[in-house]
Amino acid sequence: MKKRNHQRKLNNIWKYVFLLAVLVLSFTQLGWMYSDDTVLVPVRVEKGETLWHIATVAADGDTDVRNVVNSILKANHLAHNDDIYPGQVLQVPVGSHRVSLLETTFTTVK
């Protein structure tokens, strides 16, 4: 009877170890699956440019421009009521496939 209980406890321990290993593996795989290809592109603000205009160019067809505006604000530690001004350099988070579009549309800093 003692041997059977001992074997049952070992089986339960192995089940928990296996379950833990599966959970750890799945979380790491999720991290790899949803890896972000976002690049920060330094854009120099020119006279007449607005945050909304910059975000509109940075956004692709599947992205809400408001989310891009928020991302720019966050990347540059700005509040919603902060002004941007000519000569200011903003770090614009953009998908790697949109970098060249930003570089041709705006003055970028290398």
Protein backbone atom coordinates (compact mmCIF):
# COMPACT_ATOMS: atom_id res chain seq x y z
CA MET A 1 0.00 0.00 0.00
CA LYS A 2 2.84 2.42 0.89
CA LYS A 3 4.61 1.66 -2.37
CA ARG A 4 1.44 2.41 -4.36
CA ASN A 5 0.91 5.75 -2.55
CA HIS A 6 4.55 6.66 -3.11
CA GLN A 7 4.25 5.83 -6.83
CA ARG A 8 1.04 7.89 -7.10
CA LYS A 9 2.76 10.89 -5.48
CA LEU A 10 5.67 10.59 -7.90
CA ASN A 11 3.27 10.41 -10.84
CA ASN A 12 1.51 13.55 -9.62
CA ILE A 13 4.81 15.38 -9.24
CA TRP A 14 5.82 14.44 -12.78
CA LYS A 15 2.45 15.64 -14.08
CA TYR A 16 2.98 19.03 -12.44
CA VAL A 17 6.55 19.27 -13.72
CA PHE A 18 5.34 18.44 -17.23
CA LEU A 19 2.50 20.97 -16.98
CA LEU A 20 4.90 23.66 -15.76
CA ALA A 21 7.31 22.90 -18.62
CA VAL A 22 4.48 23.15 -21.17
CA LEU A 23 3.34 26.49 -19.71
CA VAL A 24 6.84 27.96 -19.73
CA LEU A 25 7.40 26.80 -23.29
CA SER A 26 4.07 28.17 -24.49
CA PHE A 27 4.70 31.60 -22.94
CA THR A 28 8.12 31.86 -24.55
CA GLN A 29 6.66 30.81 -27.89
CA LEU A 30 3.96 33.46 -27.61
CA GLY A 31 6.67 36.03 -27.03
CA TRP A 32 8.47 34.95 -30.18
CA MET A 33 5.26 34.83 -32.21
CA TYR A 34 4.28 38.37 -31.36
CA SER A 35 7.69 39.94 -31.65
CA ASP A 36 7.45 43.56 -32.55
CA ASP A 37 9.24 44.90 -35.62
CA THR A 38 8.88 48.51 -34.48
CA VAL A 39 11.75 50.87 -35.19
CA LEU A 40 12.22 54.36 -33.75
CA VAL A 41 12.83 56.84 -36.55
CA PRO A 42 14.12 60.27 -35.47
CA VAL A 43 12.10 62.91 -37.35
CA ARG A 44 12.90 66.63 -37.23
CA VAL A 45 9.71 68.67 -37.02
CA GLU A 46 9.42 71.29 -39.75
CA LYS A 47 7.26 74.42 -39.69
CA GLY A 48 3.59 73.56 -40.21
CA GLU A 49 3.93 69.86 -39.35
CA THR A 50 1.66 68.45 -36.71
CA LEU A 51 1.82 65.35 -34.58
CA TRP A 52 -1.34 64.12 -36.30
CA HIS A 53 0.25 64.51 -39.75
CA ILE A 54 3.39 62.63 -38.70
CA ALA A 55 1.28 59.87 -37.16
CA THR A 56 -0.87 59.63 -40.30
CA VAL A 57 2.20 58.92 -42.41
CA ALA A 58 3.60 56.49 -39.83
CA ALA A 59 0.33 54.52 -39.55
CA ASP A 60 -0.37 51.75 -41.99
CA GLY A 61 -3.84 50.83 -43.21
CA ASP A 62 -4.48 48.53 -40.25
CA THR A 63 -3.42 50.97 -37.54
CA ASP A 64 -5.56 53.62 -35.89
CA VAL A 65 -3.81 56.99 -36.16
CA ARG A 66 -4.79 57.80 -32.56
CA ASN A 67 -2.76 54.79 -31.39
CA VAL A 68 0.24 56.04 -33.36
CA VAL A 69 -0.13 59.52 -31.83
CA ASN A 70 -0.15 57.91 -28.38
CA SER A 71 2.92 55.84 -29.26
CA ILE A 72 4.80 58.95 -30.39
CA LEU A 73 3.82 60.79 -27.21
CA LYS A 74 4.94 57.87 -25.08
CA ALA A 75 8.23 57.37 -26.94
CA ASN A 76 9.07 61.05 -26.46
CA HIS A 77 7.76 61.39 -22.90
CA LEU A 78 5.23 64.01 -23.96
CA ALA A 79 1.77 64.75 -22.59
CA HIS A 80 -1.29 65.18 -24.79
CA ASN A 81 -1.28 68.93 -24.22
CA ASP A 82 2.43 69.42 -25.01
CA ASP A 83 3.23 71.40 -28.16
CA ILE A 84 5.74 70.31 -30.75
CA TYR A 85 7.87 72.95 -32.43
CA PRO A 86 10.04 73.30 -35.55
CA GLY A 87 13.50 71.86 -35.05
CA GLN A 88 12.34 69.41 -32.39
CA VAL A 89 13.40 65.81 -33.02
CA LEU A 90 10.72 63.23 -32.32
CA GLN A 91 11.31 59.51 -32.07
CA VAL A 92 8.53 58.04 -34.21
CA PRO A 93 7.79 54.34 -33.62
CA VAL A 94 6.98 52.76 -36.93
CA GLY A 95 6.94 49.27 -38.42
CA SER A 96 10.17 48.46 -40.21
CA HIS A 97 8.27 48.30 -43.51
CA ARG A 98 7.32 52.02 -43.16
CA VAL A 99 10.78 53.45 -42.35
CA SER A 100 11.60 54.42 -45.93
CA LEU A 101 8.26 56.23 -46.28
CA LEU A 102 9.02 58.34 -43.20
CA GLU A 103 12.53 59.04 -44.47
CA THR A 104 11.23 60.31 -47.83
CA THR A 105 8.33 62.30 -46.33
CA PHE A 106 10.07 63.99 -43.39
CA THR A 107 13.49 65.30 -42.45
CA THR A 108 15.08 62.46 -40.55
CA VAL A 109 18.13 62.65 -38.33
CA LYS A 110 20.84 60.09 -38.90
